[in-house]
């Protein structure tokens, strides 16, 4: 039993939470200045294992950026430390 009562069941806790969200307008050309790229950082908890931190992107305007939230970078936080498991190009990498 928990030392402090939180008023919630342990099973009702969120496994995933958006911890930051922003939009940038990285293009300078006249026709593309209004194009936006949305970013968010998501923390996902895995019971007894650790946490994954994902930087995700999406855009309805920009070529080469998917319409759906897509991981740009993913980090795993485990007992032994933190590893980067994907790069911005979507390929897997190590420390």
C-alpha atoms as a PDB file:
ATOM      1  CA  UNK A   1       0.000   0.000   0.000  1.00  0.00           C
ATOM      2  CA  UNK A   2       1.217   3.480  -0.836  1.00  0.00           C
ATOM      3  CA  UNK A   3       2.483   5.658   1.975  1.00  0.00           C
ATOM      4  CA  UNK A   4       0.176   8.490   0.843  1.00  0.00           C
ATOM      5  CA  UNK A   5      -3.349   8.223  -0.496  1.00  0.00           C
ATOM      6  CA  UNK A   6      -3.741   9.901  -3.890  1.00  0.00           C
ATOM      7  CA  UNK A   7      -7.483   9.339  -4.295  1.00  0.00           C
ATOM      8  CA  UNK A   8      -6.907   7.256  -7.441  1.00  0.00           C
ATOM      9  CA  UNK A   9      -6.509   3.602  -8.226  1.00  0.00           C
ATOM     10  CA  UNK A  10      -3.040   2.557  -9.393  1.00  0.00           C
ATOM     11  CA  UNK A  11      -4.671   1.214 -12.578  1.00  0.00           C
ATOM     12  CA  UNK A  12      -6.138   4.618 -13.436  1.00  0.00           C
ATOM     13  CA  UNK A  13      -2.776   6.349 -13.869  1.00  0.00           C
ATOM     14  CA  UNK A  14      -1.832   7.546 -17.326  1.00  0.00           C
ATOM     15  CA  UNK A  15       0.813   5.498 -19.131  1.00  0.00           C
ATOM     16  CA  UNK A  16       1.537   8.288 -21.616  1.00  0.00           C
ATOM     17  CA  UNK A  17       1.603  12.069 -21.180  1.00  0.00           C
ATOM     18  CA  UNK A  18       2.411  14.986 -23.494  1.00  0.00           C
ATOM     19  CA  UNK A  19       4.911  17.122 -21.575  1.00  0.00           C
ATOM     20  CA  UNK A  20       5.633  19.825 -24.197  1.00  0.00           C
ATOM     21  CA  UNK A  21       4.066  20.981 -27.456  1.00  0.00           C
ATOM     22  CA  UNK A  22       4.987  23.796 -29.870  1.00  0.00           C
ATOM     23  CA  UNK A  23       4.776  24.893 -33.501  1.00  0.00           C
ATOM     24  CA  UNK A  24       7.589  26.335 -35.576  1.00  0.00           C
ATOM     25  CA  UNK A  25       7.590  28.039 -38.961  1.00  0.00           C
ATOM     26  CA  UNK A  26      11.040  27.069 -40.294  1.00  0.00           C
ATOM     27  CA  UNK A  27      10.568  28.143 -43.919  1.00  0.00           C
ATOM     28  CA  UNK A  28      11.597  31.571 -45.225  1.00  0.00           C
ATOM     29  CA  UNK A  29      10.373  31.433 -48.840  1.00  0.00           C
ATOM     30  CA  UNK A  30       7.408  33.682 -49.678  1.00  0.00           C
ATOM     31  CA  UNK A  31       5.109  30.764 -50.546  1.00  0.00           C
ATOM     32  CA  UNK A  32       6.087  28.638 -47.533  1.00  0.00           C
ATOM     33  CA  UNK A  33       6.346  31.163 -44.671  1.00  0.00           C
ATOM     34  CA  UNK A  34       2.957  30.178 -43.271  1.00  0.00           C
ATOM     35  CA  UNK A  35       3.791  26.456 -43.273  1.00  0.00           C
ATOM     36  CA  UNK A  36       4.071  25.104 -39.768  1.00  0.00           C
ATOM     37  CA  UNK A  37       5.681  22.030 -38.253  1.00  0.00           C
ATOM     38  CA  UNK A  38       4.174  20.860 -34.966  1.00  0.00           C
ATOM     39  CA  UNK A  39       6.383  19.259 -32.320  1.00  0.00           C
ATOM     40  CA  UNK A  40       5.605  17.492 -29.073  1.00  0.00           C
ATOM     41  CA  UNK A  41       7.487  15.583 -26.399  1.00  0.00           C
ATOM     42  CA  UNK A  42       5.729  12.519 -24.994  1.00  0.00           C
ATOM     43  CA  UNK A  43       6.713  10.471 -21.933  1.00  0.00           C
ATOM     44  CA  UNK A  44       5.470   6.870 -21.903  1.00  0.00           C
ATOM     45  CA  UNK A  45       5.764   4.752 -18.761  1.00  0.00           C
ATOM     46  CA  UNK A  46       6.346   1.005 -18.816  1.00  0.00           C
ATOM     47  CA  UNK A  47       5.533  -0.614 -15.479  1.00  0.00           C
ATOM     48  CA  UNK A  48       8.606  -2.186 -13.913  1.00  0.00           C
ATOM     49  CA  UNK A  49      10.813  -1.289 -16.895  1.00  0.00           C
ATOM     50  CA  UNK A  50      11.256   2.463 -17.274  1.00  0.00           C
ATOM     51  CA  UNK A  51      10.211   5.363 -19.459  1.00  0.00           C
ATOM     52  CA  UNK A  52      10.440   6.217 -23.164  1.00  0.00           C
ATOM     53  CA  UNK A  53      10.716   9.876 -24.175  1.00  0.00           C
ATOM     54  CA  UNK A  54       9.614  10.633 -27.747  1.00  0.00           C
ATOM     55  CA  UNK A  55      10.083  13.831 -29.755  1.00  0.00           C
ATOM     56  CA  UNK A  56       7.335  13.635 -32.384  1.00  0.00           C
ATOM     57  CA  UNK A  57       6.569  15.859 -35.400  1.00  0.00           C
ATOM     58  CA  UNK A  58       3.725  16.389 -37.870  1.00  0.00           C
ATOM     59  CA  UNK A  59       2.663  18.918 -40.482  1.00  0.00           C
ATOM     60  CA  UNK A  60      -0.269  19.386 -42.825  1.00  0.00           C
ATOM     61  CA  UNK A  61       1.813  21.743 -44.984  1.00  0.00           C
ATOM     62  CA  UNK A  62       5.476  20.743 -45.154  1.00  0.00           C
ATOM     63  CA  UNK A  63       6.705  18.236 -47.701  1.00  0.00           C
ATOM     64  CA  UNK A  64       8.620  15.379 -46.113  1.00  0.00           C
ATOM     65  CA  UNK A  65       6.870  15.733 -42.743  1.00  0.00           C
ATOM     66  CA  UNK A  66       4.000  13.256 -42.190  1.00  0.00           C
ATOM     67  CA  UNK A  67       0.446  14.369 -41.363  1.00  0.00           C
ATOM     68  CA  UNK A  68       0.318  11.997 -38.355  1.00  0.00           C
ATOM     69  CA  UNK A  69       2.480  12.249 -35.236  1.00  0.00           C
ATOM     70  CA  UNK A  70       5.756  10.520 -36.125  1.00  0.00           C
ATOM     71  CA  UNK A  71       8.779   9.944 -33.850  1.00  0.00           C
ATOM     72  CA  UNK A  72      11.777  12.097 -34.778  1.00  0.00           C
ATOM     73  CA  UNK A  73      13.863  10.927 -31.812  1.00  0.00           C
ATOM     74  CA  UNK A  74      13.205   8.339 -29.111  1.00  0.00           C
ATOM     75  CA  UNK A  75      15.094   7.830 -25.848  1.00  0.00           C
ATOM     76  CA  UNK A  76      14.774   4.919 -23.414  1.00  0.00           C
ATOM     77  CA  UNK A  77      15.347   5.594 -19.711  1.00  0.00           C
ATOM     78  CA  UNK A  78      16.068   2.355 -17.896  1.00  0.00           C
ATOM     79  CA  UNK A  79      17.802   1.312 -14.696  1.00  0.00           C
ATOM     80  CA  UNK A  80      21.198   1.219 -16.458  1.00  0.00           C
ATOM     81  CA  UNK A  81      20.858   4.728 -17.970  1.00  0.00           C
ATOM     82  CA  UNK A  82      19.436   6.548 -20.985  1.00  0.00           C
ATOM     83  CA  UNK A  83      19.901   5.407 -24.599  1.00  0.00           C
ATOM     84  CA  UNK A  84      18.929   7.151 -27.813  1.00  0.00           C
ATOM     85  CA  UNK A  85      17.170   4.493 -29.875  1.00  0.00           C
ATOM     86  CA  UNK A  86      16.215   6.462 -33.027  1.00  0.00           C
ATOM     87  CA  UNK A  87      17.697   9.401 -34.867  1.00  0.00           C
ATOM     88  CA  UNK A  88      15.919  12.152 -36.757  1.00  0.00           C
ATOM     89  CA  UNK A  89      16.256  10.093 -39.971  1.00  0.00           C
ATOM     90  CA  UNK A  90      14.323   7.250 -38.293  1.00  0.00           C
ATOM     91  CA  UNK A  91      17.281   4.854 -38.141  1.00  0.00           C
ATOM     92  CA  UNK A  92      18.205   3.111 -34.950  1.00  0.00           C
ATOM     93  CA  UNK A  93      21.322   4.127 -33.094  1.00  0.00           C
ATOM     94  CA  UNK A  94      23.133   3.507 -29.870  1.00  0.00           C
ATOM     95  CA  UNK A  95      24.791   5.702 -27.297  1.00  0.00           C
END
